[in-house]
């Protein structure tokens, strides 16, 4: 089993921010049919040999016809985690070892597992399952893109106390669009905006801009969708690259 690495909250935000950037390049969380899979995956994995795993999902790649990343998480570490994949109707397949990273959120520590499935044949039907030691979950569908047209569900950024409303919205959309191949959830734009505002305040401080002028600039950006999106992307990139710290460190090295 791979060694665990404890993620700080900043690194966890980096992971989320990276997912947003990739989503803009053609990546998205998804499955086919994703609505039904999302509702039964956790129960299926638990009842199959006692394998404790949940939140199984696929990360759809820029080239959906040849590769796919499978992700899931568990509260307890898994022994020798891997993904088994095979063509539908065949018994022989392959196993892909999973990488893992631990993160703590709201006092709860979980382990996130990731496995890249590559060299898929476009348009061919596959199935995969999660395995750990002698335990394995149920087989799940995997459909590489065949190059034809497809349907997708796109949801905007959502903020909620418990996301029960968003859950109802997503499940209702899945029922009304059973042919949807995947869904995109554009998240963290508000968090990116706040991070971008912090970057702007940092630049204003370096430029010795007055606080009232900074406030006017922020209000203007807040009510201008185009500039607000730019500021959100600035914040997301700061989450990933932390260029303020790097800039300060470079200046201190020069001194």
Protein backbone atom coordinates (compact mmCIF):
# COMPACT_ATOMS: atom_id res chain seq x y z
CA UNK A 1 0.00 0.00 0.00
CA UNK A 2 1.21 3.49 -0.84
CA UNK A 3 2.35 5.70 1.97
CA UNK A 4 -0.15 8.28 3.19
CA UNK A 5 0.52 11.99 2.89
CA UNK A 6 -1.41 14.33 5.14
CA UNK A 7 -2.82 17.20 3.08
CA UNK A 8 -3.07 20.66 4.57
CA UNK A 9 -6.23 22.66 3.88
CA UNK A 10 -4.30 24.72 1.30
CA UNK A 11 -3.22 21.55 -0.53
CA UNK A 12 -6.77 20.24 -0.39
CA UNK A 13 -7.95 23.52 -1.94
CA UNK A 14 -5.23 23.10 -4.57
CA UNK A 15 -6.74 19.76 -5.51
CA UNK A 16 -10.18 21.29 -5.83
CA UNK A 17 -8.88 24.28 -7.77
CA UNK A 18 -6.97 22.01 -10.13
CA UNK A 19 -10.21 20.14 -10.80
CA UNK A 20 -11.84 23.43 -11.80
CA UNK A 21 -9.03 24.30 -14.21
CA UNK A 22 -9.22 20.85 -15.75
CA UNK A 23 -12.98 21.15 -16.05
CA UNK A 24 -12.44 24.20 -18.20
CA UNK A 25 -10.24 22.10 -20.48
CA UNK A 26 -12.78 19.31 -20.94
CA UNK A 27 -12.56 17.45 -17.61
CA UNK A 28 -15.57 16.74 -15.43
CA UNK A 29 -16.88 14.39 -12.82
CA UNK A 30 -19.08 11.80 -14.41
CA UNK A 31 -20.34 8.29 -15.05
CA UNK A 32 -22.75 6.57 -17.43
CA UNK A 33 -25.47 6.42 -16.29
CA UNK A 34 -24.10 8.72 -13.58
CA UNK A 35 -27.35 9.45 -11.77
CA UNK A 36 -28.14 5.82 -10.92
CA UNK A 37 -24.51 5.05 -10.08
CA UNK A 38 -24.23 8.02 -7.71
CA UNK A 39 -27.24 6.82 -5.73
CA UNK A 40 -26.24 3.19 -5.25
CA UNK A 41 -22.44 3.07 -5.38
CA UNK A 42 -21.75 3.46 -1.65
CA UNK A 43 -24.28 0.77 -0.67
CA UNK A 44 -23.03 -1.61 -3.36
CA UNK A 45 -19.42 -1.36 -2.24
CA UNK A 46 -20.24 -1.85 1.42
CA UNK A 47 -22.40 -4.94 0.89
CA UNK A 48 -19.82 -6.63 -1.37
CA UNK A 49 -17.44 -8.34 1.00
CA UNK A 50 -17.45 -5.53 3.53
CA UNK A 51 -15.31 -3.16 1.44
CA UNK A 52 -15.61 0.26 3.06
CA UNK A 53 -15.49 2.77 0.21
CA UNK A 54 -17.73 5.63 -0.86
CA UNK A 55 -18.15 8.53 -3.27
CA UNK A 56 -17.00 6.54 -6.27
CA UNK A 57 -16.71 8.75 -9.34
CA UNK A 58 -14.98 9.07 -12.68
CA UNK A 59 -12.90 12.03 -13.84
CA UNK A 60 -13.53 12.38 -17.54
CA UNK A 61 -10.36 13.29 -19.43
CA UNK A 62 -9.69 15.65 -22.31
CA UNK A 63 -9.45 12.46 -24.43
CA UNK A 64 -12.49 10.58 -23.15
CA UNK A 65 -12.05 7.85 -25.73
CA UNK A 66 -8.85 6.35 -24.32
CA UNK A 67 -8.49 7.08 -20.62
CA UNK A 68 -10.42 7.73 -17.43
CA UNK A 69 -9.46 8.42 -13.82
CA UNK A 70 -11.41 6.63 -11.08
CA UNK A 71 -11.59 8.22 -7.63
CA UNK A 72 -13.15 7.19 -4.33
CA UNK A 73 -12.55 7.70 -0.64
CA UNK A 74 -12.83 5.88 2.69
CA UNK A 75 -12.63 6.79 6.35
CA UNK A 76 -10.36 3.80 7.03
CA UNK A 77 -7.17 3.00 5.05
CA UNK A 78 -7.54 0.21 2.50
CA UNK A 79 -5.05 -2.61 2.01
CA UNK A 80 -3.52 -2.75 -1.49
CA UNK A 81 -6.19 -0.53 -3.14
CA UNK A 82 -6.63 -0.99 -6.88
CA UNK A 83 -9.10 -0.80 -9.74
CA UNK A 84 -9.91 -3.89 -11.81
CA UNK A 85 -11.12 -3.23 -15.35
CA UNK A 86 -12.24 -5.57 -18.13
CA UNK A 87 -14.26 -5.49 -21.38
CA UNK A 88 -17.94 -6.34 -20.87
CA UNK A 89 -18.53 -10.07 -21.35
CA UNK A 90 -14.94 -11.09 -20.62
CA UNK A 91 -13.48 -12.57 -17.43
CA UNK A 92 -9.89 -11.49 -18.04
CA UNK A 93 -8.87 -7.92 -17.36
CA UNK A 94 -6.19 -5.82 -15.72
CA UNK A 95 -5.55 -4.23 -12.32
CA UNK A 96 -4.35 -0.69 -11.76
CA UNK A 97 -2.79 0.23 -8.39
CA UNK A 98 -4.36 3.26 -6.75
CA UNK A 99 -2.50 6.23 -5.33
CA UNK A 100 -3.76 7.65 -2.04
CA UNK A 101 -3.63 10.89 -0.10
CA UNK A 102 -5.15 11.69 3.29
CA UNK A 103 -6.95 14.92 4.09
CA UNK A 104 -8.72 16.30 7.14
CA UNK A 105 -11.83 18.44 6.85
CA UNK A 106 -13.99 19.58 9.77
CA UNK A 107 -12.05 17.28 12.07
CA UNK A 108 -12.69 14.15 9.96
CA UNK A 109 -9.74 12.43 8.28
CA UNK A 110 -10.41 10.50 5.07
CA UNK A 111 -8.26 8.89 2.40
CA UNK A 112 -8.72 9.80 -1.26
CA UNK A 113 -7.81 7.10 -3.80
CA UNK A 114 -7.00 7.72 -7.48
CA UNK A 115 -6.32 5.28 -10.33
CA UNK A 116 -5.75 6.12 -14.00
CA UNK A 117 -7.26 3.71 -16.53
CA UNK A 118 -5.46 4.16 -19.86
CA UNK A 119 -5.22 2.51 -23.31
CA UNK A 120 -8.99 2.07 -23.64
CA UNK A 121 -10.54 1.31 -27.03
CA UNK A 122 -12.85 4.12 -28.20
CA UNK A 123 -16.53 3.15 -28.11
CA UNK A 124 -15.91 -0.23 -26.45
CA UNK A 125 -17.96 -1.13 -23.35
CA UNK A 126 -15.94 -1.80 -20.20
CA UNK A 127 -16.70 -2.37 -16.55
CA UNK A 128 -14.59 -1.75 -13.47
CA UNK A 129 -14.66 -2.31 -9.74
CA UNK A 130 -12.76 -1.28 -6.63
CA UNK A 131 -10.65 -3.95 -4.92
CA UNK A 132 -8.73 -4.09 -1.65
CA UNK A 133 -6.94 -7.24 -0.53
CA UNK A 134 -9.44 -10.10 -0.84
CA UNK A 135 -12.44 -7.75 -1.02
CA UNK A 136 -14.01 -6.20 -4.11
CA UNK A 137 -17.01 -4.06 -4.92
CA UNK A 138 -19.66 -4.41 -7.58
CA UNK A 139 -18.82 -3.96 -11.26
CA UNK A 140 -19.59 -0.46 -12.55
CA UNK A 141 -20.08 0.64 -16.21
CA UNK A 142 -17.31 2.44 -18.09
CA UNK A 143 -18.00 3.78 -21.58
CA UNK A 144 -15.15 5.45 -23.49
CA UNK A 145 -16.22 8.11 -25.95
CA UNK A 146 -16.91 6.82 -29.47
CA UNK A 147 -16.39 10.19 -31.14
CA UNK A 148 -20.09 10.82 -31.72
CA UNK A 149 -22.48 13.34 -30.22
CA UNK A 150 -23.41 13.21 -26.55
CA UNK A 151 -25.48 14.97 -23.90
CA UNK A 152 -24.07 16.58 -20.77
CA UNK A 153 -25.57 18.28 -17.72
CA UNK A 154 -23.86 21.49 -16.58
CA UNK A 155 -24.55 22.94 -13.13
CA UNK A 156 -23.34 26.37 -11.98
CA UNK A 157 -21.51 27.08 -8.76
CA UNK A 158 -23.61 26.16 -5.71
CA UNK A 159 -23.49 27.35 -2.10
CA UNK A 160 -25.61 25.59 0.54
CA UNK A 161 -25.67 24.61 4.18
CA UNK A 162 -26.21 20.89 3.49
CA UNK A 163 -26.58 20.73 -0.34
CA UNK A 164 -29.89 18.84 -0.03
CA UNK A 165 -31.46 21.26 -2.51
CA UNK A 166 -28.64 20.74 -4.99
CA UNK A 167 -28.98 16.97 -4.55
CA UNK A 168 -32.67 17.12 -5.45
CA UNK A 169 -31.90 19.33 -8.45
CA UNK A 170 -29.17 16.99 -9.74
CA UNK A 171 -31.21 13.81 -9.26
CA UNK A 172 -34.26 15.36 -10.93
CA UNK A 173 -32.10 16.46 -13.88
CA UNK A 174 -30.72 12.91 -14.16
CA UNK A 175 -34.21 11.42 -14.24
CA UNK A 176 -35.30 13.84 -16.97
CA UNK A 177 -32.13 13.28 -19.00
CA UNK A 178 -31.31 9.55 -18.77
CA UNK A 179 -29.06 9.71 -21.84
CA UNK A 180 -26.67 12.23 -20.30
CA UNK A 181 -23.12 10.88 -20.55
CA UNK A 182 -21.66 13.00 -17.73
CA UNK A 183 -22.19 16.12 -15.67
CA UNK A 184 -20.08 19.16 -14.89
CA UNK A 185 -20.33 20.97 -11.58
CA UNK A 186 -18.64 24.37 -11.72
CA UNK A 187 -17.64 24.87 -8.12
CA UNK A 188 -15.39 27.04 -5.97
CA UNK A 189 -15.80 30.19 -8.06
CA UNK A 190 -16.89 32.12 -4.95
CA UNK A 191 -13.90 30.75 -3.01
CA UNK A 192 -11.69 31.69 -5.94
CA UNK A 193 -13.15 35.20 -5.92
CA UNK A 194 -12.33 35.61 -2.22
CA UNK A 195 -8.81 34.32 -2.81
CA UNK A 196 -8.47 36.69 -5.77
CA UNK A 197 -9.64 39.59 -3.60
CA UNK A 198 -6.87 38.70 -1.14
CA UNK A 199 -4.37 38.80 -4.00
CA UNK A 200 -5.72 42.17 -5.09
CA UNK A 201 -5.44 43.51 -1.53
CA UNK A 202 -1.84 42.25 -1.41
CA UNK A 203 -1.03 44.06 -4.67
CA UNK A 204 -2.78 47.22 -3.42
CA UNK A 205 -0.69 47.15 -0.25
CA UNK A 206 2.50 46.84 -2.25
CA UNK A 207 1.38 49.74 -4.45
CA UNK A 208 0.38 51.74 -1.35
CA UNK A 209 -3.17 52.11 -2.62
CA UNK A 210 -5.60 53.66 -0.16
CA UNK A 211 -8.20 51.39 1.40
CA UNK A 212 -11.16 53.40 0.07
CA UNK A 213 -9.84 53.17 -3.49
CA UNK A 214 -9.36 49.42 -3.07
CA UNK A 215 -12.96 49.20 -1.86
CA UNK A 216 -14.20 51.05 -4.94
CA UNK A 217 -12.23 48.69 -7.22
CA UNK A 218 -13.62 45.62 -5.45
CA UNK A 219 -17.21 46.89 -5.70
CA UNK A 220 -16.72 47.57 -9.41
CA UNK A 221 -15.34 44.05 -9.95
CA UNK A 222 -18.12 42.48 -7.86
CA UNK A 223 -20.82 43.95 -10.10
CA UNK A 224 -19.00 43.20 -13.34
CA UNK A 225 -19.31 39.54 -14.25
CA UNK A 226 -16.36 39.50 -16.66
CA UNK A 227 -13.86 41.00 -14.22
CA UNK A 228 -15.29 38.94 -11.35
CA UNK A 229 -14.55 35.75 -13.30
CA UNK A 230 -11.01 36.95 -14.03
CA UNK A 231 -10.47 37.66 -10.34
CA UNK A 232 -11.85 34.22 -9.44
CA UNK A 233 -9.37 32.54 -11.80
CA UNK A 234 -6.55 34.64 -10.31
CA UNK A 235 -7.56 33.31 -6.89
CA UNK A 236 -7.74 29.70 -8.13
CA UNK A 237 -4.26 29.93 -9.62
CA UNK A 238 -3.00 31.42 -6.37
CA UNK A 239 -4.42 28.39 -4.54
CA UNK A 240 -2.48 26.11 -6.87
CA UNK A 241 0.82 27.94 -7.29
CA UNK A 242 0.87 30.20 -4.20
CA UNK A 243 2.73 32.82 -6.22
CA UNK A 244 2.47 35.48 -3.49
CA UNK A 245 4.62 33.37 -1.18
CA UNK A 246 7.05 32.63 -4.01
CA UNK A 247 7.31 36.32 -4.87
CA UNK A 248 7.98 37.28 -1.24
CA UNK A 249 10.54 34.49 -0.93
CA UNK A 250 12.32 35.62 -4.10
CA UNK A 251 12.52 39.18 -2.80
CA UNK A 252 13.88 38.01 0.57
CA UNK A 253 16.54 35.92 -1.20
CA UNK A 254 17.66 38.99 -3.15
CA UNK A 255 18.13 40.90 0.10
